[in-house]
Amino acid sequence: MKVLIDTNILLDVILLREPHLEHSKRVLQCCQTLVDGYIAVHSFSNMFYILHEIEEFSIEECRNTFNKLLYVFDVAGLNKHDIISAVNNVSFDDLEDAMQHEASVASDLDYIVTRNCKDFKNSTISAVTPEEFLLIVHADK
């Protein structure tokens, strides 16, 4: 199974955000051993902005965090065609969500794990919450 981990799940763990931390941490742990986890390429720049500019992480802390993520996760990339599809995808009101979707399609992923499933209601890739994902993973064992 191959899954895209949405930025909000990653930030839950990095920023120790309650009440979401426990389920999000378990999702990331599954990506270390049970499934192939992916992060969309643009999520790194989004996280850098949030961590460095808003949360005041140092550049070195951001680099260390990203290197740890890159040790575990593959990267779902986007090419020009994928970005054009995202920009023109009228099923999405938010460009970042459209880009997450297109990165998932381009990498032939099975699920998008997110806390914002409603943002992916028209996605061709199934969006699941961390809780739903954990049930799916453990049902497949």
Protein backbone atom coordinates (compact mmCIF):
# COMPACT_ATOMS: atom_id res chain seq x y z
CA MET A 1 0.00 0.00 0.00
CA LYS A 2 1.24 3.48 -0.92
CA VAL A 3 -0.12 6.57 0.85
CA LEU A 4 0.35 10.32 0.73
CA ILE A 5 0.65 11.92 4.14
CA ASP A 6 -0.98 15.35 4.09
CA THR A 7 0.92 18.26 5.57
CA ASN A 8 -1.48 18.59 8.50
CA ILE A 9 -0.60 15.08 9.72
CA LEU A 10 3.12 15.81 9.56
CA LEU A 11 2.69 19.09 11.42
CA ASP A 12 0.64 17.36 14.11
CA VAL A 13 3.70 15.27 14.95
CA ILE A 14 6.36 17.93 14.44
CA LEU A 15 4.49 20.51 16.53
CA LEU A 16 3.07 17.99 19.04
CA ARG A 17 -0.45 19.22 18.29
CA GLU A 18 -3.14 17.85 20.54
CA PRO A 19 -5.60 16.23 20.32
CA HIS A 20 -4.28 14.86 17.01
CA LEU A 21 -0.78 13.83 18.03
CA GLU A 22 -1.33 10.18 18.95
CA HIS A 23 -3.15 9.09 15.78
CA SER A 24 -0.86 11.12 13.53
CA LYS A 25 2.21 9.65 15.20
CA ARG A 26 0.85 6.14 14.66
CA VAL A 27 0.29 6.92 10.97
CA LEU A 28 3.93 7.95 10.61
CA GLN A 29 5.04 4.83 12.45
CA CYS A 30 3.09 2.69 9.96
CA CYS A 31 5.06 4.36 7.17
CA GLN A 32 8.28 3.14 8.76
CA THR A 33 7.31 -0.52 8.68
CA LEU A 34 3.95 -1.40 7.11
CA VAL A 35 3.26 0.86 4.12
CA ASP A 36 5.09 3.07 1.65
CA GLY A 37 4.60 6.65 2.79
CA TYR A 38 4.94 9.66 0.49
CA ILE A 39 5.11 13.39 1.07
CA ALA A 40 4.22 15.75 -1.78
CA VAL A 41 7.23 17.78 -2.86
CA HIS A 42 5.50 21.10 -2.22
CA SER A 43 4.71 20.10 1.37
CA PHE A 44 8.32 20.77 2.28
CA SER A 45 8.14 24.43 1.28
CA ASN A 46 4.76 24.78 3.00
CA MET A 47 6.14 23.22 6.19
CA PHE A 48 9.27 25.35 6.03
CA TYR A 49 7.18 28.50 5.94
CA ILE A 50 5.01 27.36 8.85
CA LEU A 51 7.88 26.05 10.96
CA HIS A 52 10.37 28.84 10.32
CA GLU A 53 8.20 31.91 9.89
CA ILE A 54 5.28 31.15 12.20
CA GLU A 55 6.64 28.67 14.75
CA GLU A 56 10.13 30.21 14.76
CA PHE A 57 12.07 27.01 14.14
CA SER A 58 15.65 27.76 13.13
CA ILE A 59 16.73 26.88 9.62
CA GLU A 60 18.89 24.15 11.10
CA GLU A 61 15.90 22.70 13.00
CA CYS A 62 13.91 22.68 9.74
CA ARG A 63 16.73 20.93 7.90
CA ASN A 64 17.07 18.31 10.63
CA THR A 65 13.32 17.69 10.66
CA PHE A 66 13.15 17.35 6.88
CA ASN A 67 16.15 15.03 6.76
CA LYS A 68 14.43 12.74 9.29
CA LEU A 69 11.27 12.74 7.17
CA LEU A 70 13.22 12.04 3.98
CA TYR A 71 14.85 9.04 5.64
CA VAL A 72 11.41 7.42 6.02
CA PHE A 73 9.27 8.85 3.22
CA ASP A 74 9.41 8.92 -0.55
CA VAL A 75 8.57 12.15 -2.36
CA ALA A 76 5.56 12.49 -4.63
CA GLY A 77 6.61 14.93 -7.33
CA LEU A 78 4.80 17.15 -9.75
CA ASN A 79 5.69 18.05 -13.30
CA LYS A 80 4.32 20.88 -15.43
CA HIS A 81 1.40 18.77 -16.66
CA ASP A 82 0.45 17.86 -13.05
CA ILE A 83 0.53 21.51 -11.97
CA ILE A 84 -1.59 22.54 -14.96
CA SER A 85 -4.08 19.83 -13.95
CA ALA A 86 -4.11 21.10 -10.36
CA VAL A 87 -4.54 24.75 -11.38
CA ASN A 88 -7.46 23.86 -13.66
CA ASN A 89 -9.12 21.21 -11.51
CA VAL A 90 -12.53 22.74 -10.75
CA SER A 91 -13.25 19.94 -8.25
CA PHE A 92 -10.94 21.68 -5.77
CA ASP A 93 -11.35 25.14 -4.26
CA ASP A 94 -7.83 25.12 -2.80
CA LEU A 95 -4.71 24.89 -4.98
CA GLU A 96 -2.65 23.16 -2.30
CA ASP A 97 -5.26 20.39 -1.99
CA ALA A 98 -5.41 20.06 -5.78
CA MET A 99 -1.63 19.72 -5.84
CA GLN A 100 -1.75 17.05 -3.10
CA HIS A 101 -4.29 15.20 -5.24
CA GLU A 102 -2.24 15.48 -8.44
CA ALA A 103 0.94 14.35 -6.64
CA SER A 104 -0.99 11.31 -5.40
CA VAL A 105 -2.30 10.52 -8.87
CA ALA A 106 1.13 10.99 -10.47
CA SER A 107 2.70 8.60 -7.95
CA ASP A 108 -0.15 6.05 -8.25
CA LEU A 109 -0.94 6.16 -4.54
CA ASP A 110 -3.77 4.32 -2.82
CA TYR A 111 -4.83 6.84 -0.16
CA ILE A 112 -4.38 10.40 1.01
CA VAL A 113 -4.19 10.48 4.80
CA THR A 114 -5.54 13.82 6.03
CA ARG A 115 -7.63 15.36 8.76
CA ASN A 116 -9.48 17.35 6.08
CA CYS A 117 -11.26 14.66 4.06
CA LYS A 118 -13.97 17.13 3.05
CA ASP A 119 -11.33 19.02 1.04
CA PHE A 120 -10.81 15.86 -1.04
CA LYS A 121 -14.47 14.88 -1.53
CA ASN A 122 -14.03 14.95 -5.33
CA SER A 123 -10.63 13.29 -5.34
CA THR A 124 -10.00 10.23 -7.49
CA ILE A 125 -7.74 8.98 -4.68
CA SER A 126 -9.57 8.01 -1.47
CA ALA A 127 -8.95 10.43 1.39
CA VAL A 128 -9.03 8.91 4.85
CA THR A 129 -8.53 10.23 8.36
CA PRO A 130 -5.66 8.92 10.47
CA GLU A 131 -8.16 6.83 12.45
CA GLU A 132 -9.62 5.31 9.27
CA PHE A 133 -6.14 4.68 7.88
CA LEU A 134 -5.07 2.83 11.01
CA LEU A 135 -8.12 0.58 10.75
CA ILE A 136 -7.36 -0.15 7.09
CA VAL A 137 -3.71 -0.96 7.77
CA HIS A 138 -4.46 -3.25 10.67
CA ALA A 139 -7.30 -4.97 8.76
CA ASP A 140 -4.82 -5.79 5.96
CA LYS A 141 -2.44 -7.60 8.34
